[in-house]
PDB file of N, CA and C in Angstrom:
ATOM      1  N   MET A   1    -135.845 103.127  85.299  1.00  0.00           N
ATOM      2  CA  MET A   1    -136.086 101.951  84.484  1.00  0.00           C
ATOM      3  C   MET A   1    -137.582 101.744  84.364  1.00  0.00           C
ATOM      4  N   SER A   2    -138.015 101.329  83.206  1.00  0.00           N
ATOM      5  CA  SER A   2    -139.424 101.099  82.942  1.00  0.00           C
ATOM      6  C   SER A   2    -139.935  99.934  83.784  1.00  0.00           C
ATOM      7  N   PRO A   3    -141.135 100.058  84.342  1.00  0.00           N
ATOM      8  CA  PRO A   3    -141.673  98.952  85.150  1.00  0.00           C
ATOM      9  C   PRO A   3    -141.983  97.713  84.320  1.00  0.00           C
ATOM     10  N   ASN A   4    -142.029  97.843  82.996  1.00  0.00           N
ATOM     11  CA  ASN A   4    -142.317  96.705  82.119  1.00  0.00           C
ATOM     12  C   ASN A   4    -141.075  95.905  81.739  1.00  0.00           C
ATOM     13  N   VAL A   5    -139.910  96.364  82.177  1.00  0.00           N
ATOM     14  CA  VAL A   5    -138.663  95.695  81.843  1.00  0.00           C
ATOM     15  C   VAL A   5    -138.313  94.722  82.960  1.00  0.00           C
ATOM     16  N   ALA A   6    -138.230  93.447  82.616  1.00  0.00           N
ATOM     17  CA  ALA A   6    -137.857  92.427  83.602  1.00  0.00           C
ATOM     18  C   ALA A   6    -136.344  92.306  83.632  1.00  0.00           C
ATOM     19  N   LEU A   7    -135.790  92.242  84.815  1.00  0.00           N
ATOM     20  CA  LEU A   7    -134.348  92.063  84.960  1.00  0.00           C
ATOM     21  C   LEU A   7    -134.012  90.591  84.850  1.00  0.00           C
ATOM     22  N   MET A   8    -132.984  90.325  84.081  1.00  0.00           N
ATOM     23  CA  MET A   8    -132.508  88.949  83.946  1.00  0.00           C
ATOM     24  C   MET A   8    -131.629  88.631  85.147  1.00  0.00           C
ATOM     25  N   PRO A   9    -131.733  87.429  85.674  1.00  0.00           N
ATOM     26  CA  PRO A   9    -130.847  87.075  86.790  1.00  0.00           C
ATOM     27  C   PRO A   9    -129.392  87.057  86.341  1.00  0.00           C
ATOM     28  N   ALA A  10    -128.511  87.374  87.254  1.00  0.00           N
ATOM     29  CA  ALA A  10    -127.078  87.378  86.937  1.00  0.00           C
ATOM     30  C   ALA A  10    -126.647  85.969  86.540  1.00  0.00           C
ATOM     31  N   ALA A  11    -125.829  85.904  85.529  1.00  0.00           N
ATOM     32  CA  ALA A  11    -125.311  84.608  85.073  1.00  0.00           C
ATOM     33  C   ALA A  11    -124.445  84.000  86.164  1.00  0.00           C
ATOM     34  N   GLN A  12    -124.588  82.718  86.323  1.00  0.00           N
ATOM     35  CA  GLN A  12    -123.793  82.003  87.314  1.00  0.00           C
ATOM     36  C   GLN A  12    -122.645  81.313  86.605  1.00  0.00           C
ATOM     37  N   PHE A  13    -121.432  81.761  86.871  1.00  0.00           N
ATOM     38  CA  PHE A  13    -120.254  81.177  86.258  1.00  0.00           C
ATOM     39  C   PHE A  13    -119.481  80.384  87.290  1.00  0.00           C
ATOM     40  N   ASP A  14    -119.014  79.237  86.871  1.00  0.00           N
ATOM     41  CA  ASP A  14    -118.152  78.429  87.721  1.00  0.00           C
ATOM     42  C   ASP A  14    -116.723  78.710  87.274  1.00  0.00           C
ATOM     43  N   TYR A  15    -116.139  79.764  87.847  1.00  0.00           N
ATOM     44  CA  TYR A  15    -114.798  80.178  87.434  1.00  0.00           C
ATOM     45  C   TYR A  15    -113.763  79.095  87.682  1.00  0.00           C
ATOM     46  N   GLN A  16    -113.939  78.324  88.737  1.00  0.00           N
ATOM     47  CA  GLN A  16    -112.990  77.247  89.018  1.00  0.00           C
ATOM     48  C   GLN A  16    -112.980  76.239  87.878  1.00  0.00           C
ATOM     49  N   LYS A  17    -114.166  75.888  87.376  1.00  0.00           N
ATOM     50  CA  LYS A  17    -114.262  74.931  86.268  1.00  0.00           C
ATOM     51  C   LYS A  17    -113.637  75.527  84.998  1.00  0.00           C
ATOM     52  N   ILE A  18    -113.864  76.809  84.756  1.00  0.00           N
ATOM     53  CA  ILE A  18    -113.267  77.474  83.594  1.00  0.00           C
ATOM     54  C   ILE A  18    -111.752  77.424  83.697  1.00  0.00           C
ATOM     55  N   LEU A  19    -111.221  77.738  84.864  1.00  0.00           N
ATOM     56  CA  LEU A  19    -109.766  77.781  85.045  1.00  0.00           C
ATOM     57  C   LEU A  19    -109.127  76.403  85.020  1.00  0.00           C
ATOM     58  N   GLU A  20    -109.875  75.372  85.389  1.00  0.00           N
ATOM     59  CA  GLU A  20    -109.332  74.010  85.345  1.00  0.00           C
ATOM     60  C   GLU A  20    -108.974  73.620  83.909  1.00  0.00           C
ATOM     61  N   ASN A  21    -109.753  74.095  82.961  1.00  0.00           N
ATOM     62  CA  ASN A  21    -109.540  73.742  81.556  1.00  0.00           C
ATOM     63  C   ASN A  21    -108.823  74.842  80.782  1.00  0.00           C
ATOM     64  N   TRP A  22    -108.352  75.860  81.465  1.00  0.00           N
ATOM     65  CA  TRP A  22    -107.732  77.012  80.823  1.00  0.00           C
ATOM     66  C   TRP A  22    -106.322  76.668  80.358  1.00  0.00           C
ATOM     67  N   SER A  23    -106.011  77.035  79.140  1.00  0.00           N
ATOM     68  CA  SER A  23    -104.668  76.828  78.619  1.00  0.00           C
ATOM     69  C   SER A  23    -104.149  78.174  78.129  1.00  0.00           C
ATOM     70  N   VAL A  24    -103.137  78.687  78.793  1.00  0.00           N
ATOM     71  CA  VAL A  24    -102.551  79.959  78.386  1.00  0.00           C
ATOM     72  C   VAL A  24    -102.050  79.854  76.951  1.00  0.00           C
ATOM     73  N   HIS A  25    -101.439  78.734  76.606  1.00  0.00           N
ATOM     74  CA  HIS A  25    -100.916  78.529  75.245  1.00  0.00           C
ATOM     75  C   HIS A  25    -102.045  78.592  74.219  1.00  0.00           C
ATOM     76  N   ASP A  26    -103.153  77.893  74.478  1.00  0.00           N
ATOM     77  CA  ASP A  26    -104.276  77.888  73.532  1.00  0.00           C
ATOM     78  C   ASP A  26    -104.888  79.272  73.388  1.00  0.00           C
ATOM     79  N   GLU A  27    -105.062  79.968  74.503  1.00  0.00           N
ATOM     80  CA  GLU A  27    -105.649  81.306  74.450  1.00  0.00           C
ATOM     81  C   GLU A  27    -104.725  82.285  73.718  1.00  0.00           C
ATOM     82  N   GLN A  28    -103.415  82.154  73.921  1.00  0.00           N
ATOM     83  CA  GLN A  28    -102.472  83.020  73.215  1.00  0.00           C
ATOM     84  C   GLN A  28    -102.477  82.710  71.724  1.00  0.00           C
ATOM     85  N   SER A  29    -102.610  81.432  71.389  1.00  0.00           N
ATOM     86  CA  SER A  29    -102.676  81.025  69.993  1.00  0.00           C
ATOM     87  C   SER A  29    -103.903  81.636  69.307  1.00  0.00           C
ATOM     88  N   LYS A  30    -105.038  81.644  70.003  1.00  0.00           N
ATOM     89  CA  LYS A  30    -106.257  82.263  69.463  1.00  0.00           C
ATOM     90  C   LYS A  30    -106.041  83.761  69.245  1.00  0.00           C
ATOM     91  N   ALA A  31    -105.443  84.416  70.223  1.00  0.00           N
ATOM     92  CA  ALA A  31    -105.192  85.859  70.113  1.00  0.00           C
ATOM     93  C   ALA A  31    -104.227  86.157  68.972  1.00  0.00           C
ATOM     94  N   ASP A  32    -103.197  85.344  68.833  1.00  0.00           N
ATOM     95  CA  ASP A  32    -102.234  85.536  67.747  1.00  0.00           C
ATOM     96  C   ASP A  32    -102.907  85.366  66.383  1.00  0.00           C
ATOM     97  N   PHE A  33    -103.801  84.391  66.286  1.00  0.00           N
ATOM     98  CA  PHE A  33    -104.515  84.165  65.030  1.00  0.00           C
ATOM     99  C   PHE A  33    -105.396  85.367  64.695  1.00  0.00           C
ATOM    100  N   LEU A  34    -106.095  85.899  65.690  1.00  0.00           N
ATOM    101  CA  LEU A  34    -106.919  87.089  65.451  1.00  0.00           C
ATOM    102  C   LEU A  34    -106.068  88.279  65.032  1.00  0.00           C
ATOM    103  N   ASP A  35    -104.886  88.410  65.622  1.00  0.00           N
ATOM    104  CA  ASP A  35    -103.972  89.481  65.199  1.00  0.00           C
ATOM    105  C   ASP A  35    -103.563  89.295  63.735  1.00  0.00           C
ATOM    106  N   ALA A  36    -103.310  88.045  63.341  1.00  0.00           N
ATOM    107  CA  ALA A  36    -102.945  87.767  61.943  1.00  0.00           C
ATOM    108  C   ALA A  36    -104.103  88.101  61.004  1.00  0.00           C
ATOM    109  N   LEU A  37    -105.329  87.798  61.424  1.00  0.00           N
ATOM    110  CA  LEU A  37    -106.495  88.153  60.611  1.00  0.00           C
ATOM    111  C   LEU A  37    -106.626  89.667  60.499  1.00  0.00           C
ATOM    112  N   TYR A  38    -106.383  90.367  61.594  1.00  0.00           N
ATOM    113  CA  TYR A  38    -106.458  91.829  61.564  1.00  0.00           C
ATOM    114  C   TYR A  38    -105.424  92.387  60.583  1.00  0.00           C
ATOM    115  N   ASP A  39    -104.221  91.844  60.643  1.00  0.00           N
ATOM    116  CA  ASP A  39    -103.166  92.298  59.721  1.00  0.00           C
ATOM    117  C   ASP A  39    -103.538  91.995  58.266  1.00  0.00           C
ATOM    118  N   PHE A  40    -104.131  90.837  58.026  1.00  0.00           N
ATOM    119  CA  PHE A  40    -104.485  90.437  56.664  1.00  0.00           C
ATOM    120  C   PHE A  40    -105.615  91.297  56.102  1.00  0.00           C
ATOM    121  N   TYR A  41    -106.697  91.440  56.863  1.00  0.00           N
ATOM    122  CA  TYR A  41    -107.858  92.187  56.378  1.00  0.00           C
ATOM    123  C   TYR A  41    -107.688  93.698  56.525  1.00  0.00           C
ATOM    124  N   ALA A  42    -106.798  94.118  57.408  1.00  0.00           N
ATOM    125  CA  ALA A  42    -106.464  95.528  57.615  1.00  0.00           C
ATOM    126  C   ALA A  42    -107.680  96.458  57.672  1.00  0.00           C
ATOM    127  N   PRO A  43    -108.597  96.207  58.623  1.00  0.00           N
ATOM    128  CA  PRO A  43    -109.767  97.073  58.689  1.00  0.00           C
ATOM    129  C   PRO A  43    -109.425  98.504  59.115  1.00  0.00           C
ATOM    130  N   GLY A  44    -108.298  98.666  59.814  1.00  0.00           N
ATOM    131  CA  GLY A  44    -107.851 100.003  60.188  1.00  0.00           C
ATOM    132  C   GLY A  44    -108.695 100.687  61.237  1.00  0.00           C
ATOM    133  N   THR A  45    -109.602  99.955  61.832  1.00  0.00           N
ATOM    134  CA  THR A  45    -110.507 100.556  62.817  1.00  0.00           C
ATOM    135  C   THR A  45    -110.115 100.251  64.252  1.00  0.00           C
ATOM    136  N   GLY A  46    -109.195  99.323  64.425  1.00  0.00           N
ATOM    137  CA  GLY A  46    -108.856  98.871  65.767  1.00  0.00           C
ATOM    138  C   GLY A  46    -109.885  97.893  66.309  1.00  0.00           C
ATOM    139  N   CYS A  47    -110.858  97.550  65.499  1.00  0.00           N
ATOM    140  CA  CYS A  47    -111.947  96.665  65.922  1.00  0.00           C
ATOM    141  C   CYS A  47    -111.774  95.287  65.278  1.00  0.00           C
ATOM    142  N   TYR A  48    -111.810  94.272  66.108  1.00  0.00           N
ATOM    143  CA  TYR A  48    -111.647  92.908  65.639  1.00  0.00           C
ATOM    144  C   TYR A  48    -112.996  92.233  65.364  1.00  0.00           C
ATOM    145  N   THR A  49    -114.076  92.905  65.682  1.00  0.00           N
ATOM    146  CA  THR A  49    -115.408  92.331  65.535  1.00  0.00           C
ATOM    147  C   THR A  49    -115.655  91.911  64.092  1.00  0.00           C
ATOM    148  N   GLY A  50    -116.065  90.664  63.920  1.00  0.00           N
ATOM    149  CA  GLY A  50    -116.429  90.151  62.609  1.00  0.00           C
ATOM    150  C   GLY A  50    -115.286  89.594  61.784  1.00  0.00           C
ATOM    151  N   LEU A  51    -114.034  89.750  62.242  1.00  0.00           N
ATOM    152  CA  LEU A  51    -112.909  89.265  61.441  1.00  0.00           C
ATOM    153  C   LEU A  51    -112.931  87.747  61.283  1.00  0.00           C
ATOM    154  N   PHE A  52    -113.213  87.041  62.374  1.00  0.00           N
ATOM    155  CA  PHE A  52    -113.221  85.584  62.283  1.00  0.00           C
ATOM    156  C   PHE A  52    -114.366  85.114  61.392  1.00  0.00           C
ATOM    157  N   GLN A  53    -115.529  85.757  61.496  1.00  0.00           N
ATOM    158  CA  GLN A  53    -116.655  85.391  60.648  1.00  0.00           C
ATOM    159  C   GLN A  53    -116.329  85.685  59.174  1.00  0.00           C
ATOM    160  N   ARG A  54    -115.628  86.785  58.919  1.00  0.00           N
ATOM    161  CA  ARG A  54    -115.213  87.100  57.549  1.00  0.00           C
ATOM    162  C   ARG A  54    -114.246  86.039  57.034  1.00  0.00           C
ATOM    163  N   PHE A  55    -113.308  85.622  57.885  1.00  0.00           N
ATOM    164  CA  PHE A  55    -112.369  84.561  57.520  1.00  0.00           C
ATOM    165  C   PHE A  55    -113.120  83.270  57.218  1.00  0.00           C
ATOM    166  N   GLN A  56    -114.086  82.924  58.059  1.00  0.00           N
ATOM    167  CA  GLN A  56    -114.861  81.707  57.825  1.00  0.00           C
ATOM    168  C   GLN A  56    -115.549  81.746  56.462  1.00  0.00           C
ATOM    169  N   ALA A  57    -116.149  82.861  56.134  1.00  0.00           N
ATOM    170  CA  ALA A  57    -116.828  82.989  54.838  1.00  0.00           C
ATOM    171  C   ALA A  57    -115.821  82.889  53.695  1.00  0.00           C
ATOM    172  N   ASP A  58    -114.678  83.547  53.842  1.00  0.00           N
ATOM    173  CA  ASP A  58    -113.664  83.522  52.786  1.00  0.00           C
ATOM    174  C   ASP A  58    -113.067  82.138  52.601  1.00  0.00           C
ATOM    175  N   ILE A  59    -112.763  81.458  53.701  1.00  0.00           N
ATOM    176  CA  ILE A  59    -112.143  80.134  53.585  1.00  0.00           C
ATOM    177  C   ILE A  59    -113.147  79.119  53.040  1.00  0.00           C
ATOM    178  N   THR A  60    -114.416  79.310  53.379  1.00  0.00           N
ATOM    179  CA  THR A  60    -115.458  78.444  52.823  1.00  0.00           C
ATOM    180  C   THR A  60    -115.539  78.616  51.319  1.00  0.00           C
ATOM    181  N   GLU A  61    -115.521  79.861  50.861  1.00  0.00           N
ATOM    182  CA  GLU A  61    -115.573  80.131  49.417  1.00  0.00           C
ATOM    183  C   GLU A  61    -114.327  79.567  48.713  1.00  0.00           C
ATOM    184  N   PHE A  62    -113.175  79.728  49.328  1.00  0.00           N
ATOM    185  CA  PHE A  62    -111.933  79.194  48.774  1.00  0.00           C
ATOM    186  C   PHE A  62    -112.004  77.677  48.623  1.00  0.00           C
ATOM    187  N   CYS A  63    -112.473  76.998  49.668  1.00  0.00           N
ATOM    188  CA  CYS A  63    -112.560  75.532  49.626  1.00  0.00           C
ATOM    189  C   CYS A  63    -113.595  75.074  48.612  1.00  0.00           C
ATOM    190  N   ARG A  64    -114.739  75.754  48.575  1.00  0.00           N
ATOM    191  CA  ARG A  64    -115.779  75.408  47.604  1.00  0.00           C
ATOM    192  C   ARG A  64    -115.233  75.535  46.185  1.00  0.00           C
ATOM    193  N   HIS A  65    -114.488  76.600  45.929  1.00  0.00           N
ATOM    194  CA  HIS A  65    -113.895  76.799  44.608  1.00  0.00           C
ATOM    195  C   HIS A  65    -112.873  75.697  44.300  1.00  0.00           C
ATOM    196  N   ALA A  66    -112.051  75.362  45.266  1.00  0.00           N
ATOM    197  CA  ALA A  66    -111.025  74.337  45.054  1.00  0.00           C
ATOM    198  C   ALA A  66    -111.653  72.990  44.724  1.00  0.00           C
ATOM    199  N   VAL A  67    -112.769  72.677  45.364  1.00  0.00           N
ATOM    200  CA  VAL A  67    -113.440  71.399  45.111  1.00  0.00           C
ATOM    201  C   VAL A  67    -114.178  71.450  43.770  1.00  0.00           C
ATOM    202  N   ALA A  68    -114.932  72.519  43.529  1.00  0.00           N
ATOM    203  CA  ALA A  68    -115.770  72.591  42.332  1.00  0.00           C
ATOM    204  C   ALA A  68    -114.973  72.884  41.061  1.00  0.00           C
ATOM    205  N   GLN A  69    -114.019  73.785  41.137  1.00  0.00           N
ATOM    206  CA  GLN A  69    -113.320  74.230  39.938  1.00  0.00           C
ATOM    207  C   GLN A  69    -112.004  73.499  39.684  1.00  0.00           C
ATOM    208  N   ARG A  70    -111.339  73.117  40.745  1.00  0.00           N
ATOM    209  CA  ARG A  70    -110.027  72.487  40.565  1.00  0.00           C
ATOM    210  C   ARG A  70    -110.078  70.981  40.715  1.00  0.00           C
ATOM    211  N   GLY A  71    -111.254  70.456  41.058  1.00  0.00           N
ATOM    212  CA  GLY A  71    -111.420  69.017  41.144  1.00  0.00           C
ATOM    213  C   GLY A  71    -110.796  68.362  42.367  1.00  0.00           C
ATOM    214  N   LEU A  72    -110.481  69.159  43.377  1.00  0.00           N
ATOM    215  CA  LEU A  72    -109.916  68.585  44.594  1.00  0.00           C
ATOM    216  C   LEU A  72    -111.024  67.986  45.452  1.00  0.00           C
ATOM    217  N   SER A  73    -110.654  67.026  46.265  1.00  0.00           N
ATOM    218  CA  SER A  73    -111.610  66.491  47.233  1.00  0.00           C
ATOM    219  C   SER A  73    -111.411  67.240  48.551  1.00  0.00           C
ATOM    220  N   VAL A  74    -112.378  67.098  49.417  1.00  0.00           N
ATOM    221  CA  VAL A  74    -112.259  67.741  50.724  1.00  0.00           C
ATOM    222  C   VAL A  74    -111.054  67.175  51.459  1.00  0.00           C
ATOM    223  N   SER A  75    -110.814  65.891  51.347  1.00  0.00           N
ATOM    224  CA  SER A  75    -109.648  65.312  52.019  1.00  0.00           C
ATOM    225  C   SER A  75    -108.352  65.873  51.445  1.00  0.00           C
ATOM    226  N   ASP A  76    -108.333  66.210  50.138  1.00  0.00           N
ATOM    227  CA  ASP A  76    -107.155  66.864  49.555  1.00  0.00           C
ATOM    228  C   ASP A  76    -106.853  68.181  50.269  1.00  0.00           C
ATOM    229  N   LEU A  77    -107.907  68.918  50.600  1.00  0.00           N
ATOM    230  CA  LEU A  77    -107.724  70.199  51.279  1.00  0.00           C
ATOM    231  C   LEU A  77    -107.079  70.006  52.644  1.00  0.00           C
ATOM    232  N   PHE A  78    -107.496  68.981  53.365  1.00  0.00           N
ATOM    233  CA  PHE A  78    -106.920  68.741  54.679  1.00  0.00           C
ATOM    234  C   PHE A  78    -105.474  68.269  54.584  1.00  0.00           C
ATOM    235  N   VAL A  79    -105.186  67.412  53.610  1.00  0.00           N
ATOM    236  CA  VAL A  79    -103.810  66.947  53.415  1.00  0.00           C
ATOM    237  C   VAL A  79    -102.917  68.108  53.052  1.00  0.00           C
ATOM    238  N   ALA A  80    -103.385  68.993  52.166  1.00  0.00           N
ATOM    239  CA  ALA A  80    -102.603  70.170  51.791  1.00  0.00           C
ATOM    240  C   ALA A  80    -102.343  71.050  53.006  1.00  0.00           C
ATOM    241  N   GLY A  81    -103.325  71.173  53.869  1.00  0.00           N
ATOM    242  CA  GLY A  81    -103.165  71.968  55.089  1.00  0.00           C
ATOM    243  C   GLY A  81    -102.133  71.368  56.019  1.00  0.00           C
ATOM    244  N   LEU A  82    -102.067  70.051  56.073  1.00  0.00           N
ATOM    245  CA  LEU A  82    -101.095  69.389  56.943  1.00  0.00           C
ATOM    246  C   LEU A  82     -99.684  69.528  56.414  1.00  0.00           C
ATOM    247  N   GLU A  83     -99.544  69.783  55.108  1.00  0.00           N
ATOM    248  CA  GLU A  83     -98.219  69.890  54.511  1.00  0.00           C
ATOM    249  C   GLU A  83     -97.628  71.291  54.633  1.00  0.00           C
ATOM    250  N   LEU A  84     -98.396  72.223  55.184  1.00  0.00           N
ATOM    251  CA  LEU A  84     -97.899  73.597  55.327  1.00  0.00           C
ATOM    252  C   LEU A  84     -96.710  73.676  56.239  1.00  0.00           C
TER     253      LEU A  84
END
């Protein structure tokens, strides 16, 4: 290792605090959603990297279009989402 490279101290994690707030249901729901995004975008690489960011960009564009072109309000978008 180069003498000019400073080592960063190891991150200190409080695993007990993480586990106190851990929800198996919530974590499984997140994983299931990522699987659905993978199926939808079908990158075919086995890599999930960037799928959520791609979804965020796409859903933002969809909502912007719905408000600007279709005359919906932002609250209309949320109400429509609740009716799914």
